[in-house]
């Protein structure tokens, strides 16, 4: 995994990024907090914790605001 020079990093397995419960997700690279929608689950797949986007529910997203830019990740798209 690349760890040098990152501009964005969220990691479901890293408690600095996501403590395992709640709605706050932190971009470790920039220290910016975002929001995890209630339809995004934390699951373990092949021994690795990951975020699971499983529906088209309106709460199926992870979003961040950095400066004047908004970012949203979902099963539908990655938007800026």
C-alpha atoms as a PDB file:
ATOM      1  CA  UNK A   1       0.000   0.000   0.000  1.00  0.00           C
ATOM      2  CA  UNK A   2       1.216   3.499  -0.863  1.00  0.00           C
ATOM      3  CA  UNK A   3       1.764   5.551   2.289  1.00  0.00           C
ATOM      4  CA  UNK A   4       4.045   8.381   1.143  1.00  0.00           C
ATOM      5  CA  UNK A   5       2.673  11.528  -0.492  1.00  0.00           C
ATOM      6  CA  UNK A   6      -0.998  10.637  -0.057  1.00  0.00           C
ATOM      7  CA  UNK A   7      -3.549  13.411  -0.478  1.00  0.00           C
ATOM      8  CA  UNK A   8      -6.563  11.340   0.695  1.00  0.00           C
ATOM      9  CA  UNK A   9      -6.804   8.208   2.843  1.00  0.00           C
ATOM     10  CA  UNK A  10      -9.730   6.602   4.623  1.00  0.00           C
ATOM     11  CA  UNK A  11      -9.230   3.133   6.070  1.00  0.00           C
ATOM     12  CA  UNK A  12     -12.057   1.184   7.694  1.00  0.00           C
ATOM     13  CA  UNK A  13      -9.501  -0.982   9.526  1.00  0.00           C
ATOM     14  CA  UNK A  14      -7.626   1.961  11.068  1.00  0.00           C
ATOM     15  CA  UNK A  15      -9.222   3.421  14.207  1.00  0.00           C
ATOM     16  CA  UNK A  16      -7.629   6.806  13.385  1.00  0.00           C
ATOM     17  CA  UNK A  17      -9.893   6.845  10.324  1.00  0.00           C
ATOM     18  CA  UNK A  18     -12.968   5.061  11.695  1.00  0.00           C
ATOM     19  CA  UNK A  19     -13.397   3.942  15.324  1.00  0.00           C
ATOM     20  CA  UNK A  20     -15.807   1.132  14.368  1.00  0.00           C
ATOM     21  CA  UNK A  21     -19.086   2.841  15.239  1.00  0.00           C
ATOM     22  CA  UNK A  22     -20.819   6.122  14.564  1.00  0.00           C
ATOM     23  CA  UNK A  23     -20.963   8.431  11.581  1.00  0.00           C
ATOM     24  CA  UNK A  24     -17.576  10.189  11.683  1.00  0.00           C
ATOM     25  CA  UNK A  25     -14.884   9.093   9.207  1.00  0.00           C
ATOM     26  CA  UNK A  26     -11.511  10.850   9.165  1.00  0.00           C
ATOM     27  CA  UNK A  27      -9.232  11.368   6.171  1.00  0.00           C
ATOM     28  CA  UNK A  28      -5.909  10.372   7.766  1.00  0.00           C
ATOM     29  CA  UNK A  29      -3.804  12.148   5.109  1.00  0.00           C
ATOM     30  CA  UNK A  30      -5.351  15.598   5.712  1.00  0.00           C
ATOM     31  CA  UNK A  31      -6.981  15.200   9.138  1.00  0.00           C
ATOM     32  CA  UNK A  32     -10.379  16.199   7.739  1.00  0.00           C
ATOM     33  CA  UNK A  33     -13.506  14.649   9.258  1.00  0.00           C
ATOM     34  CA  UNK A  34     -16.361  13.452   7.101  1.00  0.00           C
ATOM     35  CA  UNK A  35     -19.699  11.697   7.520  1.00  0.00           C
ATOM     36  CA  UNK A  36     -20.656   8.077   6.883  1.00  0.00           C
ATOM     37  CA  UNK A  37     -24.285   7.567   5.935  1.00  0.00           C
ATOM     38  CA  UNK A  38     -26.317   5.062   7.931  1.00  0.00           C
ATOM     39  CA  UNK A  39     -26.631   2.676   4.956  1.00  0.00           C
ATOM     40  CA  UNK A  40     -22.828   2.154   4.795  1.00  0.00           C
ATOM     41  CA  UNK A  41     -21.785  -0.844   6.886  1.00  0.00           C
ATOM     42  CA  UNK A  42     -18.472  -1.831   8.426  1.00  0.00           C
ATOM     43  CA  UNK A  43     -17.844  -5.461   7.446  1.00  0.00           C
ATOM     44  CA  UNK A  44     -14.960  -7.912   7.539  1.00  0.00           C
ATOM     45  CA  UNK A  45     -14.165  -9.465   4.154  1.00  0.00           C
ATOM     46  CA  UNK A  46     -11.404 -12.095   3.970  1.00  0.00           C
ATOM     47  CA  UNK A  47     -10.144 -10.917   7.349  1.00  0.00           C
ATOM     48  CA  UNK A  48      -9.997  -7.220   6.380  1.00  0.00           C
ATOM     49  CA  UNK A  49     -12.347  -4.519   7.691  1.00  0.00           C
ATOM     50  CA  UNK A  50     -13.926  -2.516   4.892  1.00  0.00           C
ATOM     51  CA  UNK A  51     -16.831  -0.185   4.213  1.00  0.00           C
ATOM     52  CA  UNK A  52     -19.695  -1.845   2.365  1.00  0.00           C
ATOM     53  CA  UNK A  53     -21.948   0.196   0.072  1.00  0.00           C
ATOM     54  CA  UNK A  54     -24.876  -2.122  -0.596  1.00  0.00           C
ATOM     55  CA  UNK A  55     -27.929  -0.146  -1.505  1.00  0.00           C
ATOM     56  CA  UNK A  56     -29.202   2.821  -3.445  1.00  0.00           C
ATOM     57  CA  UNK A  57     -30.583   4.281  -0.221  1.00  0.00           C
ATOM     58  CA  UNK A  58     -30.086   8.046   0.143  1.00  0.00           C
ATOM     59  CA  UNK A  59     -27.894   7.362   3.206  1.00  0.00           C
ATOM     60  CA  UNK A  60     -25.425   5.210   1.224  1.00  0.00           C
ATOM     61  CA  UNK A  61     -22.456   7.625   1.121  1.00  0.00           C
ATOM     62  CA  UNK A  62     -19.293   8.901   2.750  1.00  0.00           C
ATOM     63  CA  UNK A  63     -18.875  12.663   2.347  1.00  0.00           C
ATOM     64  CA  UNK A  64     -16.159  15.216   3.115  1.00  0.00           C
ATOM     65  CA  UNK A  65     -15.727  18.966   2.826  1.00  0.00           C
ATOM     66  CA  UNK A  66     -12.191  20.236   2.343  1.00  0.00           C
ATOM     67  CA  UNK A  67     -11.828  23.983   1.988  1.00  0.00           C
ATOM     68  CA  UNK A  68     -14.505  25.020  -0.490  1.00  0.00           C
ATOM     69  CA  UNK A  69     -14.752  21.552  -2.094  1.00  0.00           C
ATOM     70  CA  UNK A  70     -17.321  18.864  -1.269  1.00  0.00           C
ATOM     71  CA  UNK A  71     -16.589  15.196  -1.974  1.00  0.00           C
ATOM     72  CA  UNK A  72     -19.016  12.279  -1.823  1.00  0.00           C
ATOM     73  CA  UNK A  73     -18.379   8.566  -2.339  1.00  0.00           C
ATOM     74  CA  UNK A  74     -21.296   6.201  -2.920  1.00  0.00           C
ATOM     75  CA  UNK A  75     -22.386   3.216  -5.006  1.00  0.00           C
ATOM     76  CA  UNK A  76     -23.719   5.688  -7.544  1.00  0.00           C
ATOM     77  CA  UNK A  77     -20.625   7.821  -8.137  1.00  0.00           C
ATOM     78  CA  UNK A  78     -17.615   9.640  -6.804  1.00  0.00           C
ATOM     79  CA  UNK A  79     -18.503  13.311  -7.060  1.00  0.00           C
ATOM     80  CA  UNK A  80     -16.645  16.545  -6.415  1.00  0.00           C
END
